[in-house]
Amino acid sequence: MRDRFVGRTDIPLAPEGAEQARALARLLPALQPGRCVASPLMRAQETARLLVEPIGLGVETDPDLREVDFGAWEGKTFQEVRAADPAGVERLENLSGGFVCPGGESLEQFSARVRGVADRLTAHPSEVVLAVTHGGVIRALLCHVLGLGLSHFRCFHVAYASLTTLTLFGGRGVLTGLNLTAAGPLTGGSRPLATETR
């Protein structure tokens, strides 16, 4: 399903993704997460279990960590959607106010959902939280926590099986790591953590 609009589609974790999650799990002991909260979608649940089993954490589920619902665009490639709905793609690219994927979730609904989960995840400032979710959710979380408008959503590329780390204070945060992988450096002392699932 790579290079397709995959939001609500509940697909299992790909074998490559499972391998990457096992490698990423080696980074977590240094960060000492106290909680793991995951999207309800299978690919995120499977990733979360692979990440936290070695450190003995359970996996909580928050439905608001699910990916955006792409509606009629779900499962299609960008080229297919552009050919069928060029005006819709233009509104998406401009992040026009009120944009809704046909039959899906509006940007406002998605943004409000992500803001709510961000507030819950950051309610205990001394806690390191591992949030296992999806690329769109991570980008929206970054915009919210860094005090950026949703128009900055596309400024962030979130790689599969990577960690994004934030240090939070007073409802805002500092981005301390983006696209951290088992092969790359890791900065300690950040919270919450978010990982993109394949």
Protein backbone atom coordinates (compact mmCIF):
# COMPACT_ATOMS: atom_id res chain seq x y z
CA MET A 1 0.00 0.00 0.00
CA ARG A 2 3.01 2.28 -0.21
CA ASP A 3 2.45 5.53 -2.17
CA ARG A 4 -1.30 5.27 -1.69
CA PHE A 5 -3.77 7.15 0.49
CA VAL A 6 -4.04 4.76 3.45
CA GLY A 7 -5.91 6.12 6.42
CA ARG A 8 -8.79 4.15 7.90
CA THR A 9 -7.90 0.96 5.96
CA ASP A 10 -7.00 -1.55 8.63
CA ILE A 11 -4.11 -3.48 7.15
CA PRO A 12 -1.57 -5.56 9.07
CA LEU A 13 2.01 -4.51 9.55
CA ALA A 14 4.20 -5.44 6.58
CA PRO A 15 7.06 -7.91 7.26
CA GLU A 16 9.57 -5.13 6.52
CA GLY A 17 7.79 -2.92 9.05
CA ALA A 18 7.95 -5.63 11.72
CA GLU A 19 11.68 -6.00 11.16
CA GLN A 20 12.16 -2.23 11.43
CA ALA A 21 10.06 -2.09 14.62
CA ARG A 22 12.22 -4.78 16.25
CA ALA A 23 15.33 -2.78 15.37
CA LEU A 24 13.78 0.45 16.67
CA ALA A 25 12.87 -1.24 19.96
CA ARG A 26 16.56 -1.32 20.86
CA LEU A 27 16.48 2.49 21.22
CA LEU A 28 13.68 2.66 23.76
CA PRO A 29 15.41 1.57 27.00
CA ALA A 30 17.58 4.70 26.95
CA LEU A 31 14.47 6.90 26.79
CA GLN A 32 12.62 5.03 29.56
CA PRO A 33 9.03 5.47 28.38
CA GLY A 34 6.49 5.02 31.16
CA ARG A 35 3.48 4.53 28.89
CA CYS A 36 2.73 3.35 25.37
CA VAL A 37 -0.42 4.58 23.64
CA ALA A 38 -1.26 3.41 20.13
CA SER A 39 -3.70 3.95 17.29
CA PRO A 40 -6.35 1.20 17.15
CA LEU A 41 -5.36 0.24 13.59
CA MET A 42 -3.66 -3.17 13.26
CA ARG A 43 -0.42 -1.86 11.83
CA ALA A 44 0.05 0.50 14.79
CA GLN A 45 -0.99 -2.09 17.38
CA GLU A 46 1.47 -4.62 15.98
CA THR A 47 4.25 -2.03 15.89
CA ALA A 48 3.53 -0.99 19.48
CA ARG A 49 3.69 -4.58 20.75
CA LEU A 50 7.02 -5.18 19.01
CA LEU A 51 8.41 -1.95 20.46
CA VAL A 52 7.41 -2.41 24.09
CA GLU A 53 7.59 -6.18 24.66
CA PRO A 54 11.37 -6.01 25.36
CA ILE A 55 10.85 -3.37 28.06
CA GLY A 56 7.74 -4.91 29.60
CA LEU A 57 5.24 -2.13 28.87
CA GLY A 58 1.61 -2.73 28.00
CA VAL A 59 -0.12 -1.02 25.07
CA GLU A 60 -3.02 1.37 25.67
CA THR A 61 -5.28 2.29 22.74
CA ASP A 62 -6.55 5.75 21.87
CA PRO A 63 -8.92 5.90 18.87
CA ASP A 64 -7.95 9.53 18.23
CA LEU A 65 -4.46 8.39 17.19
CA ARG A 66 -5.89 6.76 14.03
CA GLU A 67 -4.88 8.19 10.67
CA VAL A 68 -7.06 10.69 8.79
CA ASP A 69 -10.02 9.16 6.92
CA PHE A 70 -9.40 9.73 3.19
CA GLY A 71 -12.94 8.69 2.22
CA ALA A 72 -13.29 7.95 -1.51
CA TRP A 73 -9.54 8.50 -1.98
CA GLU A 74 -8.69 5.63 0.35
CA GLY A 75 -6.39 3.05 -1.26
CA LYS A 76 -5.79 5.11 -4.41
CA THR A 77 -2.50 6.51 -5.62
CA PHE A 78 -1.93 10.25 -5.77
CA GLN A 79 -1.89 10.05 -9.58
CA GLU A 80 -5.26 8.25 -9.61
CA VAL A 81 -6.82 10.85 -7.33
CA ARG A 82 -5.33 13.75 -9.31
CA ALA A 83 -6.76 12.33 -12.54
CA ALA A 84 -10.23 11.80 -11.02
CA ASP A 85 -10.44 14.94 -8.84
CA PRO A 86 -7.89 17.61 -9.81
CA ALA A 87 -9.82 20.38 -8.01
CA GLY A 88 -9.88 18.30 -4.81
CA VAL A 89 -6.14 17.68 -5.01
CA GLU A 90 -5.54 21.41 -5.48
CA ARG A 91 -7.62 22.18 -2.35
CA LEU A 92 -5.63 19.53 -0.44
CA GLU A 93 -2.29 20.90 -1.65
CA ASN A 94 -3.31 24.40 -0.55
CA LEU A 95 -4.74 23.03 2.71
CA SER A 96 -7.82 25.12 1.97
CA GLY A 97 -10.06 25.83 4.94
CA GLY A 98 -12.99 23.46 5.11
CA PHE A 99 -11.27 20.84 2.94
CA VAL A 100 -12.83 17.38 3.20
CA CYS A 101 -11.73 14.27 1.34
CA PRO A 102 -14.90 13.14 -0.49
CA GLY A 103 -16.77 10.96 1.98
CA GLY A 104 -13.97 11.32 4.53
CA GLU A 105 -12.82 13.49 7.39
CA SER A 106 -12.43 17.26 7.21
CA LEU A 107 -9.09 18.88 8.07
CA GLU A 108 -10.82 20.69 10.93
CA GLN A 109 -12.19 17.44 12.37
CA PHE A 110 -8.82 15.74 12.03
CA SER A 111 -6.96 18.68 13.58
CA ALA A 112 -9.39 18.90 16.52
CA ARG A 113 -9.07 15.16 17.14
CA VAL A 114 -5.26 15.37 17.16
CA ARG A 115 -5.26 18.41 19.46
CA GLY A 116 -7.42 16.48 21.92
CA VAL A 117 -5.11 13.47 21.97
CA ALA A 118 -2.06 15.74 22.30
CA ASP A 119 -3.57 17.35 25.38
CA ARG A 120 -4.23 13.93 26.93
CA LEU A 121 -0.77 12.61 26.11
CA THR A 122 0.93 15.62 27.64
CA ALA A 123 -1.24 15.89 30.76
CA HIS A 124 1.55 14.56 33.01
CA PRO A 125 4.68 16.61 32.28
CA SER A 126 7.08 14.27 34.09
CA GLU A 127 6.04 11.26 32.04
CA VAL A 128 7.76 9.91 28.91
CA VAL A 129 5.04 8.68 26.55
CA LEU A 130 5.53 6.55 23.46
CA ALA A 131 2.71 7.25 21.00
CA VAL A 132 2.56 4.77 18.12
CA THR A 133 0.61 6.35 15.31
CA HIS A 134 0.67 7.43 11.66
CA GLY A 135 2.49 10.04 9.57
CA GLY A 136 -0.45 12.43 9.22
CA VAL A 137 -1.14 12.33 12.94
CA ILE A 138 2.52 12.98 13.77
CA ARG A 139 2.65 15.97 11.41
CA ALA A 140 -0.55 17.40 12.92
CA LEU A 141 0.81 16.80 16.45
CA LEU A 142 3.99 18.65 15.53
CA CYS A 143 2.02 21.63 14.21
CA HIS A 144 -0.07 21.78 17.38
CA VAL A 145 2.72 21.31 19.93
CA LEU A 146 5.15 23.64 18.13
CA GLY A 147 2.48 26.36 17.84
CA LEU A 148 2.32 26.20 14.04
CA GLY A 149 -0.80 26.50 11.93
CA LEU A 150 -2.02 23.46 10.03
CA SER A 151 -0.73 25.17 6.89
CA HIS A 152 2.73 23.96 8.02
CA PHE A 153 1.56 20.33 7.96
CA ARG A 154 3.55 19.47 4.84
CA CYS A 155 6.77 21.00 6.21
CA PHE A 156 7.49 17.70 7.97
CA HIS A 157 8.40 14.42 6.32
CA VAL A 158 7.83 11.50 8.66
CA ALA A 159 9.60 8.28 7.67
CA TYR A 160 8.22 4.82 8.32
CA ALA A 161 9.51 3.10 11.48
CA SER A 162 11.07 6.26 12.85
CA LEU A 163 10.92 8.13 16.14
CA THR A 164 9.95 11.76 16.49
CA THR A 165 10.93 13.23 19.86
CA LEU A 166 9.65 16.34 21.60
CA THR A 167 10.47 18.00 24.89
CA LEU A 168 7.28 19.56 26.23
CA PHE A 169 6.64 22.34 28.70
CA GLY A 170 3.54 24.43 29.39
CA GLY A 171 1.54 22.91 26.54
CA ARG A 172 4.21 23.70 23.94
CA GLY A 173 7.30 21.88 22.84
CA VAL A 174 10.70 21.77 21.23
CA LEU A 175 11.37 19.29 18.43
CA THR A 176 14.44 17.31 19.50
CA GLY A 177 14.45 14.54 16.90
CA LEU A 178 12.79 13.73 13.58
CA ASN A 179 13.05 10.49 11.60
CA LEU A 180 15.31 8.84 14.15
CA THR A 181 15.92 5.19 13.29
CA ALA A 182 17.90 2.28 14.64
CA ALA A 183 20.67 3.24 12.22
CA GLY A 184 20.78 6.89 13.31
CA PRO A 185 21.60 8.92 16.44
CA LEU A 186 19.11 9.26 19.26
CA THR A 187 18.69 12.16 21.68
CA GLY A 188 17.59 11.21 25.19
CA GLY A 189 15.30 12.99 27.61
CA SER A 190 12.49 13.82 25.21
CA ARG A 191 8.75 13.27 25.50
CA PRO A 192 6.39 12.23 24.11
CA LEU A 193 7.74 9.94 21.43
CA ALA A 194 5.79 9.19 18.30
CA THR A 195 6.51 6.50 15.77
CA GLU A 196 5.15 6.09 12.26
CA THR A 197 3.91 2.64 11.27
CA ARG A 198 4.40 0.91 7.95
